[in-house]
Amino acid sequence: MRGIRALAAAVMALSALAAESAAAEPGAYPTHTVRFIVSFGAGSATDITARLFADRLSARWGYPVVVEDRPGGDGLVAIKAFVDANDDHTLLFAPVGTFTVHPYEHDTLPYDAERDLNPIAGVSMVELAISTPASLNVDTLDQLLALARAQPGKINAAAANGISDFLLFGFIKNLNLQIAKVPYRDIMQAPNDLAEGRIQLLSTSFAVVRPLMQAGRIKVLALTTRERSAGAPDVPTAAEAGYPALTFESGGGLFGPRSMPPPLRERIAADVRAVAADPVIAARMVDVGSKLEVRGPAEFAASIQEQRDHLAALAKILGLKAAE
């Protein structure tokens, strides 16, 4: 009798553990259409990458994955739409740089990044380029900086808003160079101005300047990535060029709402990793100036914190303080 009671107790205990385990696991996902809110417009590297993953995840999940571009407002339009939805079938697809710079650019924000943006999976590494016009006749960063020192005020520089701006002008200020900053309402005009020699230095995504580099109208002196780009194997990294302070990698990927449980984030990340095995994705991303790099929730979160720390150091050089 004691043996039967012991066996019954053991069965009950195992049943309770199984029930707890089942409760901890997310239910079926997805159960209907999934939306990717994208922080850039159609044709951007982020939009193209989002659509590559959306198509393959849709096939894997058996439900449509719709890409919804919400450009504008320095990324705030997309983030607000995502946060307001607070729905596990509405995900944000964005570069990390979309929001890590916000505390230095806005006095108040309509969201809390650490609370509202739940990292699911990193998928890309954006390649940033340091470029000059071909007519300037400099081939290396050393030559460019020597020119800036020899002829103070000769060089006018511009940078894409956010990370590119912080990185370039933090670097310039740290070296005490007299290089003027040229502001742009639309940074997409800057590459053509660079090619025409109206500005002499530009920091922006490699995807934006690559066509002009291929046409021989500009020179990309260095990329800020840790490794050389498959799309420009002859261009050195900033560290290889002798300036590791210009090394900065900015990733991008999927974020879930604040209510999304960790097991569901892990499940989606596993699906993202599975579809990323399609070689077409990596090849297409090279074409748009980014690199496939899949990271799970914990690794993605760690890379975001690393970027926050790096930006904080650059902000200190630039004399900027984050909003409380």
Protein backbone atom coordinates (compact mmCIF):
# COMPACT_ATOMS: atom_id res chain seq x y z
CA MET A 1 0.00 0.00 0.00
CA ARG A 2 2.82 2.40 0.90
CA GLY A 3 4.43 1.64 -2.48
CA ILE A 4 1.20 2.45 -4.33
CA ARG A 5 0.80 5.70 -2.39
CA ALA A 6 4.40 6.65 -3.12
CA LEU A 7 3.91 5.89 -6.79
CA ALA A 8 0.72 7.96 -6.89
CA ALA A 9 2.48 10.86 -5.19
CA ALA A 10 5.31 10.66 -7.70
CA VAL A 11 2.87 10.64 -10.62
CA MET A 12 1.07 13.69 -9.19
CA ALA A 13 4.37 15.53 -8.73
CA LEU A 14 5.43 14.77 -12.31
CA SER A 15 2.04 15.93 -13.58
CA ALA A 16 2.40 19.20 -11.67
CA LEU A 17 5.88 19.75 -13.12
CA ALA A 18 4.58 19.04 -16.62
CA ALA A 19 1.75 21.50 -16.10
CA GLU A 20 4.17 24.18 -14.89
CA SER A 21 6.41 23.54 -17.89
CA ALA A 22 3.49 23.78 -20.30
CA ALA A 23 2.36 27.00 -18.68
CA ALA A 24 5.84 28.44 -19.12
CA GLU A 25 5.83 27.63 -22.85
CA PRO A 26 4.17 30.07 -25.24
CA GLY A 27 1.14 28.89 -27.16
CA ALA A 28 1.00 28.46 -30.91
CA TYR A 29 2.63 31.36 -32.73
CA PRO A 30 1.59 33.01 -34.89
CA THR A 31 -2.17 32.58 -34.92
CA HIS A 32 -2.85 35.29 -37.53
CA THR A 33 -1.09 37.89 -39.69
CA VAL A 34 2.16 39.32 -38.30
CA ARG A 35 3.18 42.94 -38.93
CA PHE A 36 6.73 44.22 -39.18
CA ILE A 37 6.79 47.98 -38.45
CA VAL A 38 9.85 49.37 -40.27
CA SER A 39 11.48 52.68 -39.35
CA PHE A 40 12.63 53.53 -42.90
CA GLY A 41 10.93 53.91 -46.26
CA ALA A 42 10.54 51.55 -49.20
CA GLY A 43 13.80 50.67 -50.91
CA SER A 44 15.98 51.33 -47.87
CA ALA A 45 18.37 48.63 -46.66
CA THR A 46 16.16 48.10 -43.61
CA ASP A 47 13.02 47.76 -45.72
CA ILE A 48 14.67 45.29 -48.13
CA THR A 49 16.05 43.18 -45.28
CA ALA A 50 12.69 43.17 -43.50
CA ARG A 51 10.97 41.91 -46.66
CA LEU A 52 13.54 39.15 -47.16
CA PHE A 53 12.80 37.80 -43.69
CA ALA A 54 9.07 38.47 -43.90
CA ASP A 55 8.72 36.36 -47.05
CA ARG A 56 10.54 33.39 -45.59
CA LEU A 57 8.94 33.58 -42.15
CA SER A 58 5.52 33.75 -43.81
CA ALA A 59 6.27 30.49 -45.62
CA ARG A 60 7.55 28.90 -42.42
CA TRP A 61 4.66 30.07 -40.23
CA GLY A 62 1.81 29.61 -42.67
CA TYR A 63 0.51 33.13 -42.01
CA PRO A 64 1.21 36.40 -43.88
CA VAL A 65 3.99 38.63 -42.57
CA VAL A 66 3.24 42.18 -43.72
CA VAL A 67 5.93 44.87 -43.87
CA GLU A 68 4.60 48.30 -42.93
CA ASP A 69 7.00 51.19 -43.56
CA ARG A 70 6.63 54.08 -41.10
CA PRO A 71 9.49 56.48 -41.95
CA GLY A 72 9.89 59.97 -40.53
CA GLY A 73 10.16 61.71 -37.21
CA ASP A 74 13.71 60.48 -36.58
CA GLY A 75 12.34 56.96 -36.13
CA LEU A 76 9.73 58.05 -33.60
CA VAL A 77 6.81 57.46 -35.98
CA ALA A 78 7.61 53.75 -36.32
CA ILE A 79 8.47 53.25 -32.66
CA LYS A 80 5.29 54.95 -31.45
CA ALA A 81 3.14 52.85 -33.80
CA PHE A 82 4.81 49.71 -32.49
CA VAL A 83 4.60 50.65 -28.80
CA ASP A 84 0.96 51.76 -29.09
CA ALA A 85 0.01 48.42 -30.65
CA ASN A 86 1.49 46.43 -27.72
CA ASP A 87 0.62 43.24 -29.58
CA ASP A 88 2.83 40.17 -29.94
CA HIS A 89 1.87 39.95 -33.64
CA THR A 90 3.17 43.48 -34.26
CA LEU A 91 6.98 43.57 -34.24
CA LEU A 92 9.43 46.40 -34.78
CA PHE A 93 12.09 45.87 -37.45
CA ALA A 94 14.72 48.58 -37.05
CA PRO A 95 18.41 49.39 -36.71
CA VAL A 96 19.54 49.81 -33.12
CA GLY A 97 20.76 53.27 -34.04
CA THR A 98 17.15 54.30 -34.60
CA PHE A 99 16.65 54.64 -30.87
CA THR A 100 20.01 54.58 -29.01
CA VAL A 101 20.71 58.18 -30.04
CA HIS A 102 17.27 59.50 -29.07
CA PRO A 103 18.15 60.42 -25.46
CA TYR A 104 20.79 62.84 -26.81
CA GLU A 105 18.51 64.36 -29.47
CA HIS A 106 15.19 64.78 -27.66
CA ASP A 107 14.33 66.29 -24.29
CA THR A 108 11.43 63.87 -23.82
CA LEU A 109 10.50 60.62 -25.52
CA PRO A 110 7.11 58.92 -25.95
CA TYR A 111 8.59 55.54 -25.05
CA ASP A 112 11.10 53.84 -22.75
CA ALA A 113 13.54 51.82 -24.85
CA GLU A 114 14.52 49.37 -22.12
CA ARG A 115 10.90 48.75 -21.15
CA ASP A 116 9.11 48.93 -24.49
CA LEU A 117 11.59 47.46 -26.98
CA ASN A 118 12.14 43.79 -26.21
CA PRO A 119 15.07 42.36 -28.26
CA ILE A 120 14.11 39.22 -30.19
CA ALA A 121 16.75 38.68 -32.86
CA GLY A 122 19.53 40.71 -34.39
CA VAL A 123 19.79 40.04 -38.11
CA SER A 124 22.07 42.63 -39.68
CA MET A 125 25.19 44.70 -39.25
CA VAL A 126 25.07 48.05 -41.06
CA GLU A 127 28.33 49.09 -42.71
CA LEU A 128 29.24 52.77 -42.22
CA ALA A 129 31.66 54.41 -44.65
CA ILE A 130 34.07 57.34 -44.38
CA SER A 131 34.23 58.88 -47.86
CA THR A 132 35.81 61.75 -49.81
CA PRO A 133 35.39 63.04 -53.38
CA ALA A 134 37.75 61.48 -55.93
CA SER A 135 38.77 65.03 -56.93
CA LEU A 136 40.31 65.63 -53.48
CA ASN A 137 43.11 63.23 -54.45
CA VAL A 138 43.49 61.56 -51.06
CA ASP A 139 43.66 57.80 -50.80
CA THR A 140 43.92 57.17 -47.07
CA LEU A 141 42.65 58.53 -43.77
CA ASP A 142 46.22 59.55 -42.94
CA GLN A 143 46.34 61.75 -46.04
CA LEU A 144 42.95 63.27 -45.29
CA LEU A 145 43.87 64.16 -41.72
CA ALA A 146 47.23 65.56 -42.85
CA LEU A 147 45.36 67.82 -45.28
CA ALA A 148 42.98 68.93 -42.51
CA ARG A 149 45.92 69.84 -40.28
CA ALA A 150 47.86 71.59 -43.04
CA GLN A 151 44.88 73.61 -44.27
CA PRO A 152 42.53 74.30 -41.34
CA GLY A 153 38.99 75.03 -42.49
CA LYS A 154 39.51 73.60 -46.00
CA ILE A 155 37.40 70.52 -45.33
CA ASN A 156 33.64 70.58 -44.90
CA ALA A 157 32.05 67.45 -43.49
CA ALA A 158 28.61 65.93 -43.17
CA ALA A 159 27.16 62.84 -41.58
CA ALA A 160 23.90 60.95 -41.45
CA ASN A 161 21.91 61.82 -38.35
CA GLY A 162 22.53 59.68 -35.30
CA ILE A 163 25.41 57.25 -35.00
CA SER A 164 27.31 58.43 -38.10
CA ASP A 165 27.16 62.01 -36.82
CA PHE A 166 28.30 61.09 -33.31
CA LEU A 167 31.13 58.93 -34.59
CA LEU A 168 32.59 61.35 -37.13
CA PHE A 169 32.33 64.59 -35.18
CA GLY A 170 33.38 62.96 -31.91
CA PHE A 171 36.48 61.75 -33.75
CA ILE A 172 37.11 65.22 -35.25
CA LYS A 173 36.70 66.98 -31.92
CA ASN A 174 38.94 64.49 -30.13
CA LEU A 175 41.72 65.24 -32.64
CA ASN A 176 41.06 69.00 -32.36
CA LEU A 177 40.69 69.37 -36.12
CA GLN A 178 39.19 72.46 -37.73
CA ILE A 179 36.61 70.79 -39.97
CA ALA A 180 33.28 72.53 -40.52
CA LYS A 181 30.03 70.63 -40.09
CA VAL A 182 27.50 71.01 -42.91
CA PRO A 183 23.94 70.24 -41.77
CA TYR A 184 21.47 68.52 -44.12
CA ARG A 185 17.71 68.28 -43.85
CA ASP A 186 17.92 65.33 -46.25
CA ILE A 187 21.21 63.48 -45.94
CA MET A 188 20.47 61.67 -49.21
CA GLN A 189 21.61 64.84 -50.99
CA ALA A 190 25.06 64.64 -49.40
CA PRO A 191 26.58 61.85 -51.54
CA ASN A 192 26.06 63.85 -54.75
CA ASP A 193 27.45 66.98 -53.06
CA LEU A 194 30.45 64.89 -52.03
CA ALA A 195 30.97 63.63 -55.57
CA GLU A 196 30.80 67.23 -56.86
CA GLY A 197 33.30 68.42 -54.23
CA ARG A 198 30.88 70.72 -52.42
CA ILE A 199 31.71 68.81 -49.24
CA GLN A 200 34.95 66.91 -48.70
CA LEU A 201 34.08 64.33 -46.07
CA LEU A 202 31.00 62.22 -45.44
CA SER A 203 30.07 59.57 -42.89
CA THR A 204 27.01 57.53 -43.83
CA SER A 205 25.97 53.99 -44.68
CA PHE A 206 28.10 52.25 -47.28
CA ALA A 207 24.95 51.35 -49.21
CA VAL A 208 24.30 55.04 -49.93
CA VAL A 209 27.75 55.80 -51.36
CA ARG A 210 28.55 52.47 -52.99
CA PRO A 211 27.16 53.36 -56.46
CA LEU A 212 29.24 56.55 -56.56
CA MET A 213 32.32 54.62 -55.43
CA GLN A 214 31.77 52.09 -58.21
CA ALA A 215 31.41 54.96 -60.69
CA GLY A 216 34.78 56.35 -59.57
CA ARG A 217 33.32 59.64 -58.36
CA ILE A 218 34.11 59.18 -54.65
CA LYS A 219 36.61 57.22 -52.59
CA VAL A 220 35.67 55.23 -49.52
CA LEU A 221 38.70 55.59 -47.27
CA ALA A 222 37.54 53.20 -44.55
CA LEU A 223 34.61 51.28 -43.13
CA THR A 224 33.79 51.39 -39.43
CA THR A 225 33.19 47.64 -39.18
CA ARG A 226 35.53 45.23 -37.43
CA GLU A 227 35.94 43.19 -40.62
CA ARG A 228 36.17 44.17 -44.27
CA SER A 229 33.00 44.19 -46.33
CA ALA A 230 32.25 41.47 -48.83
CA GLY A 231 30.90 44.27 -51.02
CA ALA A 232 34.19 46.20 -50.90
CA PRO A 233 37.02 43.80 -50.03
CA ASP A 234 39.71 46.34 -51.01
CA VAL A 235 38.49 49.01 -48.58
CA PRO A 236 40.26 48.81 -45.20
CA THR A 237 38.52 48.95 -41.86
CA ALA A 238 39.15 52.07 -39.79
CA ALA A 239 41.29 50.00 -37.42
CA GLU A 240 43.39 48.70 -40.32
CA ALA A 241 43.80 52.30 -41.47
CA GLY A 242 45.23 53.12 -38.04
CA TYR A 243 42.16 54.68 -36.41
CA PRO A 244 40.41 52.13 -34.15
CA ALA A 245 38.46 55.00 -32.54
CA LEU A 246 36.33 55.03 -35.70
CA THR A 247 35.33 51.40 -35.23
CA PHE A 248 31.60 51.21 -34.62
CA GLU A 249 29.20 48.44 -35.59
CA SER A 250 25.48 49.11 -35.59
CA GLY A 251 23.14 46.17 -35.81
CA GLY A 252 19.46 45.88 -36.50
CA GLY A 253 16.70 43.36 -36.11
CA LEU A 254 13.39 42.41 -34.55
CA PHE A 255 11.87 43.72 -31.33
CA GLY A 256 8.77 42.53 -29.51
CA PRO A 257 6.44 44.43 -27.16
CA ARG A 258 7.09 44.76 -23.44
CA SER A 259 4.54 42.01 -22.72
CA MET A 260 6.25 39.36 -24.86
CA PRO A 261 7.54 36.48 -22.65
CA PRO A 262 11.13 35.22 -23.04
CA PRO A 263 10.12 31.75 -24.33
CA LEU A 264 8.22 33.31 -27.23
CA ARG A 265 11.17 35.57 -28.06
CA GLU A 266 13.43 32.53 -28.13
CA ARG A 267 11.00 30.68 -30.38
CA ILE A 268 10.80 33.52 -32.90
CA ALA A 269 14.58 33.94 -32.80
CA ALA A 270 15.00 30.25 -33.61
CA ASP A 271 12.70 30.65 -36.62
CA VAL A 272 14.65 33.73 -37.74
CA ARG A 273 17.89 31.77 -37.49
CA ALA A 274 16.38 28.90 -39.49
CA VAL A 275 15.21 31.07 -42.40
CA ALA A 276 18.49 33.04 -42.38
CA ALA A 277 20.19 29.88 -43.68
CA ASP A 278 18.82 30.77 -47.13
CA PRO A 279 21.94 32.01 -49.00
CA VAL A 280 19.86 34.49 -51.00
CA ILE A 281 19.37 36.59 -47.86
CA ALA A 282 23.09 37.04 -47.15
CA ALA A 283 23.84 37.82 -50.80
CA ARG A 284 21.05 40.38 -51.10
CA MET A 285 22.10 42.07 -47.86
CA VAL A 286 25.64 42.53 -49.20
CA ASP A 287 24.08 44.29 -52.21
CA VAL A 288 22.39 46.83 -49.93
CA GLY A 289 25.46 47.47 -47.80
CA SER A 290 24.78 45.35 -44.75
CA LYS A 291 25.96 42.03 -43.40
CA LEU A 292 23.92 39.07 -42.18
CA GLU A 293 24.59 38.48 -38.50
CA VAL A 294 21.92 36.60 -36.55
CA ARG A 295 21.83 36.97 -32.77
CA GLY A 296 19.41 35.58 -30.21
CA PRO A 297 17.64 37.71 -27.57
CA ALA A 298 20.43 37.75 -24.98
CA GLU A 299 23.26 38.36 -27.45
CA PHE A 300 21.24 41.03 -29.26
CA ALA A 301 20.47 42.78 -25.96
CA ALA A 302 24.18 42.71 -25.04
CA SER A 303 25.14 44.31 -28.37
CA ILE A 304 22.57 47.06 -27.80
CA GLN A 305 24.04 47.83 -24.40
CA GLU A 306 27.53 47.89 -25.92
CA GLN A 307 26.32 50.48 -28.42
CA ARG A 308 24.71 52.57 -25.65
CA ASP A 309 28.00 52.59 -23.75
CA HIS A 310 29.95 53.59 -26.87
CA LEU A 311 27.51 56.40 -27.64
CA ALA A 312 27.73 57.66 -24.07
CA ALA A 313 31.51 57.97 -24.44
CA LEU A 314 31.13 59.85 -27.75
CA ALA A 315 28.46 62.11 -26.24
CA LYS A 316 30.83 63.03 -23.44
CA ILE A 317 33.46 64.09 -26.00
CA LEU A 318 30.82 66.17 -27.80
CA GLY A 319 29.56 67.71 -24.56
CA LEU A 320 26.08 66.18 -24.86
CA LYS A 321 23.95 64.89 -22.03
CA ALA A 322 21.22 62.27 -22.24
CA ALA A 323 17.68 63.28 -21.35
CA GLU A 324 16.55 62.00 -17.97
